[in-house]
Protein backbone atom coordinates (compact mmCIF):
# COMPACT_ATOMS: atom_id res chain seq x y z
CA MET A 1 1.48 -2.91 -23.01
CA ILE A 2 1.37 0.45 -21.30
CA LYS A 3 1.84 3.33 -23.71
CA MET A 4 4.83 5.62 -23.12
CA LEU A 5 5.52 9.01 -24.65
CA LEU A 6 9.30 9.48 -24.76
CA VAL A 7 10.17 13.16 -25.20
CA GLY A 8 13.53 14.74 -26.03
CA GLU A 9 15.99 15.69 -28.71
CA LEU A 10 17.04 12.66 -30.74
CA ASN A 11 20.46 11.61 -29.42
CA ASP A 12 22.31 8.57 -28.08
CA THR A 13 20.66 8.88 -24.66
CA LEU A 14 17.14 8.91 -26.08
CA ASN A 15 17.95 6.01 -28.40
CA SER A 16 19.41 4.05 -25.49
CA LEU A 17 16.25 4.63 -23.42
CA ASN A 18 14.09 3.52 -26.32
CA GLU A 19 16.14 0.35 -26.82
CA CYS A 20 15.99 -0.53 -23.11
CA MET A 21 12.25 -0.01 -22.65
CA ARG A 22 10.61 -0.95 -25.92
CA ASP A 23 10.18 -4.61 -24.92
CA VAL A 24 7.96 -3.69 -21.98
CA PHE A 25 6.37 -0.43 -23.12
CA GLN A 26 4.61 0.64 -26.28
CA ILE A 27 6.81 3.67 -27.01
CA GLN A 28 6.08 6.71 -29.11
CA MET A 29 9.02 9.12 -29.44
CA CYS A 30 8.36 12.84 -29.68
CA SER A 31 10.55 15.89 -30.24
CA GLN A 32 11.00 18.48 -27.49
CA ASN A 33 8.26 20.77 -28.78
CA ALA A 34 5.22 21.81 -26.75
CA LYS A 35 2.70 21.51 -29.60
CA ASN A 36 4.03 18.10 -30.64
CA VAL A 37 3.90 16.83 -27.07
CA LYS A 38 0.33 18.11 -26.62
CA ASP A 39 -0.83 16.56 -29.90
CA MET A 40 0.89 13.22 -29.30
CA ALA A 41 -0.43 12.99 -25.73
CA ARG A 42 -3.96 13.67 -26.98
CA ILE A 43 -3.68 11.09 -29.76
CA ILE A 44 -1.99 8.16 -28.01
CA ARG A 45 -3.08 8.92 -24.39
CA PRO A 46 0.06 7.49 -22.77
CA GLY A 47 0.14 5.86 -19.36
CA ILE A 48 3.49 7.48 -18.56
CA LEU A 49 5.63 10.29 -19.98
CA VAL A 50 9.44 10.22 -19.92
CA MET A 51 11.41 13.40 -20.70
CA ASN A 52 15.13 13.56 -21.45
CA ILE A 53 16.12 17.18 -20.82
CA LEU A 54 19.53 18.58 -21.72
CA GLU A 55 18.81 22.16 -20.66
CA ILE A 56 15.97 24.36 -19.49
CA ASN A 57 14.69 26.54 -22.33
CA ASP A 58 11.41 28.09 -23.45
CA ASP A 59 10.30 24.86 -25.15
CA VAL A 60 10.78 22.88 -21.94
CA ARG A 61 8.89 25.47 -19.88
CA GLU A 62 6.04 25.50 -22.39
CA ILE A 63 5.87 21.68 -22.34
CA PHE A 64 5.42 21.65 -18.57
CA GLU A 65 2.76 24.36 -18.73
CA THR A 66 0.92 22.34 -21.39
CA LEU A 67 1.10 19.21 -19.25
CA ARG A 68 -0.09 21.13 -16.20
CA VAL A 69 -3.31 22.13 -17.97
CA LYS A 70 -4.33 18.71 -19.31
CA LEU A 71 -2.11 15.95 -17.96
CA ASP A 72 -1.20 16.74 -14.37
CA GLN A 73 -2.46 13.30 -13.28
CA MET A 74 -0.15 11.37 -15.61
CA PRO A 75 3.06 9.88 -14.13
CA ILE A 76 6.09 11.84 -15.38
CA LEU A 77 9.74 10.83 -15.25
CA VAL A 78 12.35 13.49 -16.03
CA VAL A 79 15.98 12.64 -16.79
CA GLY A 80 18.31 15.65 -16.61
CA THR A 81 21.57 16.93 -15.19
CA ALA A 82 22.10 17.73 -11.50
CA GLN A 83 22.45 21.42 -12.39
CA ILE A 84 18.85 21.74 -13.58
CA GLN A 85 17.15 19.55 -10.96
CA GLU A 86 15.98 22.41 -8.75
CA GLU A 87 14.33 24.23 -11.64
CA ILE A 88 12.70 21.00 -12.80
CA LYS A 89 11.28 20.48 -9.30
CA ILE A 90 9.73 23.94 -9.43
CA MET A 91 8.15 23.25 -12.83
CA LEU A 92 6.76 19.92 -11.60
CA ASP A 93 5.17 21.46 -8.49
CA GLY A 94 1.50 20.49 -8.42
CA PHE A 95 1.85 17.35 -10.56
CA LYS A 96 0.44 14.26 -8.88
CA SER A 97 3.15 11.69 -9.64
CA PHE A 98 6.71 12.31 -10.82
CA LEU A 99 10.35 11.36 -10.37
CA ILE A 100 13.54 13.19 -11.37
CA LEU A 101 16.76 11.33 -12.20
CA SER A 102 20.21 12.86 -12.73
CA ARG A 103 22.63 11.91 -15.47
CA PRO A 104 24.89 10.04 -15.82
CA ILE A 105 22.47 7.16 -15.32
CA LYS A 106 21.93 3.66 -16.65
CA ALA A 107 18.93 2.96 -18.88
CA GLN A 108 17.91 0.15 -16.51
CA ASP A 109 17.67 2.68 -13.67
CA VAL A 110 15.24 4.70 -15.78
CA LEU A 111 13.21 1.57 -16.44
CA ASN A 112 13.10 0.75 -12.73
CA ALA A 113 11.94 4.31 -11.99
CA CYS A 114 9.08 3.82 -14.47
CA TYR A 115 8.08 0.68 -12.57
CA ARG A 116 8.00 2.65 -9.31
CA LEU A 117 5.87 5.42 -10.79
CA LEU A 118 3.39 2.85 -12.07
CA ASN A 119 3.43 0.85 -8.80
CA LEU A 120 4.63 -2.28 -10.58
CA ASN A 121 6.60 -5.11 -9.01
CA VAL A 122 10.04 -5.13 -10.65
CA GLU A 123 10.70 -8.84 -10.19
CA GLU A 124 7.26 -9.76 -11.46
CA VAL A 125 7.76 -7.61 -14.54
CA ARG A 126 11.20 -9.11 -15.17
CA GLN A 127 9.78 -12.62 -15.05
CA ASN A 128 6.85 -11.82 -17.31
CA LYS A 129 8.93 -9.41 -19.44
CA GLU A 130 5.87 -7.54 -20.70
CA ILE A 131 4.09 -5.05 -18.45
CA PRO A 132 0.35 -5.70 -18.24
CA SER A 133 -1.73 -2.60 -18.82
CA LYS A 134 -2.87 -1.82 -15.28
CA ILE A 135 -3.75 1.82 -15.81
CA LYS A 136 -7.50 2.30 -16.00
CA LYS A 137 -8.86 4.40 -18.82
CA LYS A 138 -10.86 7.44 -17.81
CA ILE A 139 -14.57 7.83 -18.49
CA ILE A 140 -16.81 10.75 -17.60
CA VAL A 141 -20.57 10.28 -17.25
CA ILE A 142 -22.63 13.44 -17.73
CA ASP A 143 -26.28 13.17 -16.62
CA ASP A 144 -28.59 15.32 -14.52
CA ASN A 145 -30.01 12.24 -12.77
CA ALA A 146 -27.94 11.36 -9.69
CA LEU A 147 -29.35 7.81 -9.56
CA VAL A 148 -28.29 7.15 -13.15
CA LEU A 149 -24.81 8.48 -12.38
CA ARG A 150 -24.42 6.21 -9.36
CA ASN A 151 -25.72 3.15 -11.22
CA ILE A 152 -23.42 3.63 -14.20
CA LYS A 153 -20.43 4.27 -11.96
CA SER A 154 -21.11 1.02 -10.09
CA LEU A 155 -21.19 -0.83 -13.42
CA LEU A 156 -17.90 0.62 -14.65
CA GLU A 157 -15.63 1.42 -11.71
CA THR A 158 -14.06 -2.04 -11.57
CA ASP A 159 -12.65 -1.61 -15.08
CA TYR A 160 -12.40 2.16 -15.50
CA GLU A 161 -11.70 5.38 -13.62
CA VAL A 162 -15.10 7.07 -13.60
CA SER A 163 -15.85 10.78 -13.13
CA LEU A 164 -19.38 12.14 -12.74
CA ALA A 165 -20.97 15.44 -13.74
CA THR A 166 -24.56 16.51 -13.05
CA SER A 167 -24.85 19.06 -15.86
CA GLY A 168 -23.53 19.75 -19.32
CA GLN A 169 -21.46 22.72 -18.19
CA LYS A 170 -19.94 20.84 -15.25
CA GLY A 171 -19.08 18.01 -17.62
CA LEU A 172 -17.31 20.36 -20.02
CA ASP A 173 -15.38 21.95 -17.15
CA THR A 174 -14.20 18.53 -15.98
CA ILE A 175 -13.21 17.42 -19.49
CA ARG A 176 -11.16 20.57 -19.95
CA GLU A 177 -9.48 20.21 -16.56
CA LYS A 178 -8.29 16.64 -16.95
CA SER A 179 -7.76 14.11 -19.68
CA VAL A 180 -10.58 11.62 -20.35
CA ASP A 181 -10.70 8.72 -22.79
CA LEU A 182 -14.47 8.50 -23.34
CA ILE A 183 -17.64 10.48 -22.63
CA LEU A 184 -21.05 9.03 -21.73
CA LEU A 185 -23.46 11.90 -22.33
CA ASP A 186 -27.15 12.24 -21.50
CA TYR A 187 -29.01 13.58 -24.52
CA ASP A 188 -31.86 15.25 -22.59
CA MET A 189 -30.73 17.61 -19.85
CA PRO A 190 -31.98 20.98 -18.59
CA GLY A 191 -29.86 23.99 -19.47
CA MET A 192 -27.04 22.86 -21.73
CA ASP A 193 -28.39 19.62 -23.21
CA GLY A 194 -26.39 16.74 -24.64
CA LYS A 195 -26.57 17.96 -28.21
CA GLU A 196 -25.10 21.33 -27.25
CA VAL A 197 -22.36 19.71 -25.14
CA PHE A 198 -21.53 17.37 -28.02
CA GLU A 199 -21.29 20.25 -30.51
CA THR A 200 -19.01 22.16 -28.12
CA ILE A 201 -16.72 19.14 -27.77
CA LYS A 202 -16.52 18.56 -31.51
CA SER A 203 -15.68 22.22 -32.17
CA ASP A 204 -12.66 22.07 -29.83
CA ASP A 205 -9.52 20.67 -31.49
CA SER A 206 -8.20 19.39 -28.16
CA LEU A 207 -11.40 17.43 -27.42
CA LYS A 208 -12.96 16.47 -30.74
CA ASN A 209 -11.29 13.05 -30.98
CA ILE A 210 -12.70 11.81 -27.66
CA PRO A 211 -15.43 9.25 -28.44
CA VAL A 212 -18.89 10.24 -27.21
CA ILE A 213 -21.69 7.76 -26.50
CA PHE A 214 -25.13 9.26 -25.94
CA LEU A 215 -27.39 8.04 -23.17
CA THR A 216 -31.11 8.31 -23.86
CA SER A 217 -34.19 7.13 -21.97
CA VAL A 218 -36.46 7.46 -25.00
CA ALA A 219 -36.65 4.61 -27.50
CA GLU A 220 -38.89 6.40 -30.00
CA ARG A 221 -37.66 6.43 -33.60
CA GLU A 222 -37.66 10.23 -33.86
CA GLN A 223 -35.53 10.59 -30.74
CA ILE A 224 -33.05 7.96 -31.91
CA LEU A 225 -32.76 9.64 -35.31
CA ALA A 226 -32.14 12.98 -33.59
CA VAL A 227 -29.38 11.39 -31.52
CA LEU A 228 -27.74 9.74 -34.51
CA LYS A 229 -27.94 12.93 -36.56
CA SER A 230 -25.27 14.41 -34.31
CA MET A 231 -22.98 11.51 -35.39
CA PRO A 232 -21.68 10.36 -31.99
CA PHE A 233 -19.76 7.10 -31.69
CA GLY A 234 -23.05 5.49 -30.66
CA TYR A 235 -25.93 5.55 -28.21
CA ILE A 236 -27.37 3.33 -25.50
CA LEU A 237 -30.77 3.28 -23.81
CA LYS A 238 -31.14 3.95 -20.11
CA PRO A 239 -30.95 2.10 -17.81
CA PRO A 240 -28.09 0.35 -19.60
CA ALA A 241 -27.38 -3.34 -19.18
CA LYS A 242 -23.80 -3.92 -18.04
CA ASP A 243 -22.84 -6.23 -20.89
CA LYS A 244 -24.16 -3.86 -23.56
CA LEU A 245 -22.56 -0.84 -21.91
CA LEU A 246 -19.16 -2.52 -21.58
CA SER A 247 -19.38 -3.82 -25.13
CA ILE A 248 -19.89 -0.41 -26.74
CA ILE A 249 -17.26 1.19 -24.46
CA LYS A 250 -14.65 -1.44 -25.38
CA GLU A 251 -15.47 -0.91 -29.05
CA ALA A 252 -15.09 2.87 -28.70
CA LEU A 253 -11.78 2.50 -26.84
CA ASP A 254 -10.55 -0.14 -29.28
CA GLU A 255 -9.93 -2.62 -26.44
């Protein structure tokens, strides 16, 4: 099932949405609080976010600013009144994929809008009842070797959305700009090496729970011990075999 974060004040409308969609989405409900939304989005990494907004207030504005920083690529569906639609449109400016619906509205219409945002066939979903998880998880590969980057991307891009970074600093910038589910990190790099990147990630509360798998081209015992001392999720030798790489990634992502 695709994970959904359902945001709003607990009321009949939110309960109705939950009842309508829980058979086809894995739903986590969250209060209309910017910190809670940020934390829940980081923990569950939803495929879609649905917001039930009664009025525009500081909490709502802060939620959209939080989403803009980390989750502007995630599909967002907003259910609100006609009176606040224009302001919602302004707050959603720059987001990649969103829809706005006006109340009064049927829960089934909200469900159909979710299908559209996720590019799912409504009739196919109705027949199968459960939505298959079609959203690819996001992996970033950080390595100073362009050939390694291209090879790993070719191994993974069928199953995952793969971003590439040619240095530790560029990798950190990318991770901070957009949400990623897993990091493949070269241990030996000029400038900011893998160990330093790893320590920076683990010291950041918004990033520390992202699993990191080290890439190393050295199979010597001392090097492996140095890698493991940092306590990443794991490590793999370069060049990685596809089956071994996919196996450790699936384990890290709990697939």
